[in-house]
Amino acid sequence: MRDIGIGGEGDTWVILRWKPPVDGGVPGVYKIQRKQEGSPWEDIGISTDTEELCSNQPRGVELYYRVFAVNKAGTGQPSATVTVVL
């Protein structure tokens, strides 16, 4: 995954955008995860595109997001993280 960033945000939602990986084959889907400081990563969604609207996110909490590309060969390395406080 490359260049993960925030495409927009609101009271309880955030749009994540990223670029597909340059190697490892064509992704079938992207797995999206988030976490709070000191907590484990949790799966929050699957996308077939390089953009995802994550709704119903908690407010006033610092959240970290990352994305993985997934294809027939398996799950790739995680993207860098982005931090959001809604």
N, C-alpha and C. Protein backbone atom coordinates (compact mmCIF):
# COMPACT_ATOMS: atom_id res chain seq x y z
N MET A 1 0.84 -1.16 0.00
CA MET A 1 0.00 0.00 0.00
C MET A 1 0.89 1.23 0.00
N ARG A 2 0.38 2.25 -0.68
CA ARG A 2 1.16 3.49 -0.77
C ARG A 2 0.26 4.70 -0.54
N ASP A 3 0.85 5.71 0.03
CA ASP A 3 0.22 7.02 0.13
C ASP A 3 -1.17 7.01 0.75
N ILE A 4 -1.34 6.34 1.87
CA ILE A 4 -2.64 6.38 2.54
C ILE A 4 -2.84 7.77 3.11
N GLY A 5 -4.08 8.26 3.02
CA GLY A 5 -4.39 9.59 3.52
C GLY A 5 -5.87 9.75 3.79
N ILE A 6 -6.21 10.92 4.29
CA ILE A 6 -7.59 11.24 4.62
C ILE A 6 -8.19 12.03 3.46
N GLY A 7 -9.30 11.52 2.91
CA GLY A 7 -9.97 12.19 1.81
C GLY A 7 -11.06 13.13 2.27
N GLY A 8 -11.46 13.01 3.52
CA GLY A 8 -12.51 13.85 4.09
C GLY A 8 -12.90 13.29 5.44
N GLU A 9 -13.54 14.12 6.25
CA GLU A 9 -14.00 13.65 7.56
C GLU A 9 -15.17 14.49 8.02
N GLY A 10 -15.97 13.90 8.91
CA GLY A 10 -17.13 14.57 9.48
C GLY A 10 -17.25 14.20 10.94
N ASP A 11 -18.44 14.40 11.50
CA ASP A 11 -18.63 14.13 12.93
C ASP A 11 -18.30 12.70 13.33
N THR A 12 -18.77 11.74 12.54
CA THR A 12 -18.55 10.33 12.90
C THR A 12 -18.08 9.50 11.72
N TRP A 13 -17.47 10.14 10.73
CA TRP A 13 -17.01 9.40 9.55
C TRP A 13 -15.69 9.95 9.04
N VAL A 14 -14.98 9.10 8.34
CA VAL A 14 -13.73 9.49 7.71
C VAL A 14 -13.62 8.73 6.39
N ILE A 15 -13.10 9.40 5.37
CA ILE A 15 -12.84 8.74 4.08
C ILE A 15 -11.34 8.49 3.99
N LEU A 16 -10.97 7.23 3.83
CA LEU A 16 -9.57 6.85 3.64
C LEU A 16 -9.31 6.65 2.16
N ARG A 17 -8.16 7.11 1.68
CA ARG A 17 -7.74 6.90 0.28
C ARG A 17 -6.31 6.40 0.29
N TRP A 18 -6.01 5.54 -0.69
CA TRP A 18 -4.66 5.00 -0.81
C TRP A 18 -4.40 4.61 -2.25
N LYS A 19 -3.14 4.31 -2.54
CA LYS A 19 -2.76 3.84 -3.87
C LYS A 19 -2.44 2.36 -3.78
N PRO A 20 -2.73 1.59 -4.83
CA PRO A 20 -2.46 0.15 -4.78
C PRO A 20 -0.96 -0.12 -4.72
N PRO A 21 -0.60 -1.31 -4.25
CA PRO A 21 0.82 -1.67 -4.19
C PRO A 21 1.42 -1.76 -5.60
N VAL A 22 2.73 -1.56 -5.69
CA VAL A 22 3.40 -1.63 -6.99
C VAL A 22 3.85 -3.04 -7.33
N ASP A 23 3.89 -3.93 -6.35
CA ASP A 23 4.28 -5.31 -6.62
C ASP A 23 3.37 -6.26 -5.84
N GLY A 24 3.50 -7.55 -6.11
CA GLY A 24 2.73 -8.54 -5.38
C GLY A 24 1.43 -8.97 -6.05
N GLY A 25 1.17 -8.50 -7.25
CA GLY A 25 -0.05 -8.90 -7.95
C GLY A 25 -1.19 -7.94 -7.71
N VAL A 26 -2.25 -8.14 -8.44
CA VAL A 26 -3.43 -7.27 -8.36
C VAL A 26 -4.24 -7.63 -7.12
N PRO A 27 -4.55 -6.65 -6.27
CA PRO A 27 -5.36 -6.94 -5.09
C PRO A 27 -6.79 -7.32 -5.46
N GLY A 28 -7.34 -8.30 -4.78
CA GLY A 28 -8.75 -8.64 -4.94
C GLY A 28 -9.60 -7.73 -4.08
N VAL A 29 -9.14 -7.50 -2.86
CA VAL A 29 -9.81 -6.60 -1.91
C VAL A 29 -8.74 -5.93 -1.05
N TYR A 30 -9.19 -4.93 -0.32
CA TYR A 30 -8.35 -4.25 0.68
C TYR A 30 -9.02 -4.42 2.04
N LYS A 31 -8.23 -4.79 3.03
CA LYS A 31 -8.73 -4.94 4.40
C LYS A 31 -8.35 -3.68 5.18
N ILE A 32 -9.31 -3.10 5.86
CA ILE A 32 -9.11 -1.86 6.61
C ILE A 32 -9.17 -2.16 8.10
N GLN A 33 -8.19 -1.63 8.83
CA GLN A 33 -8.13 -1.82 10.28
C GLN A 33 -7.99 -0.47 10.98
N ARG A 34 -8.39 -0.45 12.27
CA ARG A 34 -8.18 0.73 13.11
C ARG A 34 -7.83 0.27 14.51
N LYS A 35 -7.27 1.22 15.28
CA LYS A 35 -6.99 0.94 16.68
C LYS A 35 -6.85 2.24 17.44
N GLN A 36 -7.01 2.14 18.74
CA GLN A 36 -6.70 3.23 19.66
C GLN A 36 -5.34 2.92 20.27
N GLU A 37 -4.67 3.94 20.77
CA GLU A 37 -3.38 3.75 21.42
C GLU A 37 -3.51 2.71 22.52
N GLY A 38 -2.62 1.74 22.52
CA GLY A 38 -2.61 0.70 23.54
C GLY A 38 -3.59 -0.44 23.32
N SER A 39 -4.36 -0.39 22.26
CA SER A 39 -5.33 -1.45 21.95
C SER A 39 -4.86 -2.23 20.72
N PRO A 40 -5.36 -3.46 20.55
CA PRO A 40 -5.00 -4.22 19.34
C PRO A 40 -5.72 -3.68 18.11
N TRP A 41 -5.18 -3.99 16.94
CA TRP A 41 -5.83 -3.63 15.68
C TRP A 41 -7.13 -4.41 15.54
N GLU A 42 -8.15 -3.78 14.96
CA GLU A 42 -9.42 -4.45 14.70
C GLU A 42 -9.82 -4.23 13.25
N ASP A 43 -10.38 -5.27 12.63
CA ASP A 43 -10.88 -5.16 11.26
C ASP A 43 -12.16 -4.34 11.28
N ILE A 44 -12.25 -3.33 10.38
CA ILE A 44 -13.48 -2.53 10.34
C ILE A 44 -14.12 -2.51 8.96
N GLY A 45 -13.46 -3.12 7.97
CA GLY A 45 -14.09 -3.13 6.66
C GLY A 45 -13.25 -3.76 5.58
N ILE A 46 -13.92 -4.02 4.47
CA ILE A 46 -13.30 -4.56 3.26
C ILE A 46 -13.73 -3.66 2.11
N SER A 47 -12.79 -3.37 1.20
CA SER A 47 -13.11 -2.53 0.05
C SER A 47 -12.53 -3.15 -1.21
N THR A 48 -13.22 -2.96 -2.32
CA THR A 48 -12.69 -3.39 -3.61
C THR A 48 -12.08 -2.20 -4.36
N ASP A 49 -12.17 -1.02 -3.76
CA ASP A 49 -11.67 0.20 -4.36
C ASP A 49 -10.52 0.74 -3.50
N THR A 50 -9.88 1.82 -3.96
CA THR A 50 -8.79 2.43 -3.19
C THR A 50 -9.28 3.62 -2.38
N GLU A 51 -10.54 3.56 -1.99
CA GLU A 51 -11.16 4.59 -1.15
C GLU A 51 -12.27 3.92 -0.36
N GLU A 52 -12.41 4.33 0.89
CA GLU A 52 -13.47 3.74 1.71
C GLU A 52 -14.00 4.77 2.69
N LEU A 53 -15.34 4.84 2.80
CA LEU A 53 -16.00 5.66 3.80
C LEU A 53 -16.17 4.79 5.05
N CYS A 54 -15.54 5.20 6.13
CA CYS A 54 -15.67 4.50 7.41
C CYS A 54 -16.63 5.32 8.26
N SER A 55 -17.84 4.83 8.43
CA SER A 55 -18.86 5.56 9.17
C SER A 55 -19.00 5.00 10.58
N ASN A 56 -19.75 5.71 11.40
CA ASN A 56 -20.00 5.32 12.80
C ASN A 56 -18.71 5.16 13.59
N GLN A 57 -17.78 6.08 13.37
CA GLN A 57 -16.52 6.08 14.10
C GLN A 57 -16.68 6.89 15.38
N PRO A 58 -16.00 6.50 16.46
CA PRO A 58 -16.15 7.24 17.71
C PRO A 58 -15.59 8.66 17.62
N ARG A 59 -16.19 9.57 18.38
CA ARG A 59 -15.75 10.97 18.40
C ARG A 59 -14.83 11.22 19.59
N GLY A 60 -13.93 12.17 19.41
CA GLY A 60 -13.06 12.61 20.50
C GLY A 60 -11.99 11.61 20.90
N VAL A 61 -11.73 10.63 20.04
CA VAL A 61 -10.75 9.59 20.33
C VAL A 61 -9.72 9.58 19.21
N GLU A 62 -8.45 9.50 19.56
CA GLU A 62 -7.40 9.39 18.54
C GLU A 62 -7.40 7.96 18.00
N LEU A 63 -7.63 7.83 16.70
CA LEU A 63 -7.70 6.52 16.05
C LEU A 63 -6.62 6.43 14.98
N TYR A 64 -6.03 5.26 14.86
CA TYR A 64 -5.03 4.96 13.84
C TYR A 64 -5.67 4.01 12.83
N TYR A 65 -5.45 4.28 11.55
CA TYR A 65 -6.00 3.44 10.48
C TYR A 65 -4.86 2.92 9.61
N ARG A 66 -5.06 1.71 9.07
CA ARG A 66 -4.12 1.15 8.10
C ARG A 66 -4.90 0.23 7.15
N VAL A 67 -4.25 -0.10 6.03
CA VAL A 67 -4.91 -0.90 4.98
C VAL A 67 -3.95 -1.98 4.51
N PHE A 68 -4.49 -3.15 4.18
CA PHE A 68 -3.74 -4.28 3.62
C PHE A 68 -4.34 -4.63 2.26
N ALA A 69 -3.50 -4.98 1.31
CA ALA A 69 -3.98 -5.55 0.04
C ALA A 69 -4.07 -7.06 0.21
N VAL A 70 -5.13 -7.65 -0.32
CA VAL A 70 -5.34 -9.10 -0.22
C VAL A 70 -5.61 -9.64 -1.62
N ASN A 71 -4.92 -10.74 -1.98
CA ASN A 71 -5.19 -11.42 -3.25
C ASN A 71 -5.02 -12.92 -3.05
N LYS A 72 -4.99 -13.69 -4.13
CA LYS A 72 -4.89 -15.15 -4.04
C LYS A 72 -3.64 -15.61 -3.29
N ALA A 73 -2.58 -14.83 -3.37
CA ALA A 73 -1.32 -15.19 -2.71
C ALA A 73 -1.35 -14.92 -1.21
N GLY A 74 -2.33 -14.13 -0.75
CA GLY A 74 -2.43 -13.85 0.68
C GLY A 74 -2.55 -12.36 0.96
N THR A 75 -2.25 -12.01 2.19
CA THR A 75 -2.34 -10.62 2.65
C THR A 75 -0.98 -9.98 2.61
N GLY A 76 -0.90 -8.80 2.02
CA GLY A 76 0.35 -8.07 1.92
C GLY A 76 0.72 -7.36 3.21
N GLN A 77 1.77 -6.59 3.14
CA GLN A 77 2.23 -5.80 4.29
C GLN A 77 1.26 -4.64 4.53
N PRO A 78 1.14 -4.19 5.79
CA PRO A 78 0.24 -3.08 6.06
C PRO A 78 0.78 -1.77 5.50
N SER A 79 -0.14 -0.86 5.22
CA SER A 79 0.24 0.48 4.81
C SER A 79 0.84 1.21 6.01
N ALA A 80 1.33 2.39 5.76
CA ALA A 80 1.64 3.29 6.87
C ALA A 80 0.32 3.59 7.58
N THR A 81 0.37 4.19 8.72
CA THR A 81 -0.87 4.53 9.44
C THR A 81 -1.18 6.01 9.27
N VAL A 82 -2.46 6.32 9.37
CA VAL A 82 -2.91 7.71 9.45
C VAL A 82 -3.67 7.85 10.76
N THR A 83 -3.59 9.02 11.34
CA THR A 83 -4.22 9.29 12.63
C THR A 83 -5.33 10.30 12.46
N VAL A 84 -6.46 10.03 13.11
CA VAL A 84 -7.63 10.90 13.01
C VAL A 84 -8.26 11.06 14.39
N VAL A 85 -8.68 12.28 14.69
CA VAL A 85 -9.54 12.55 15.85
C VAL A 85 -10.76 13.25 15.31
N LEU A 86 -11.92 12.62 15.40
CA LEU A 86 -13.16 13.21 14.88
C LEU A 86 -13.84 14.04 15.95
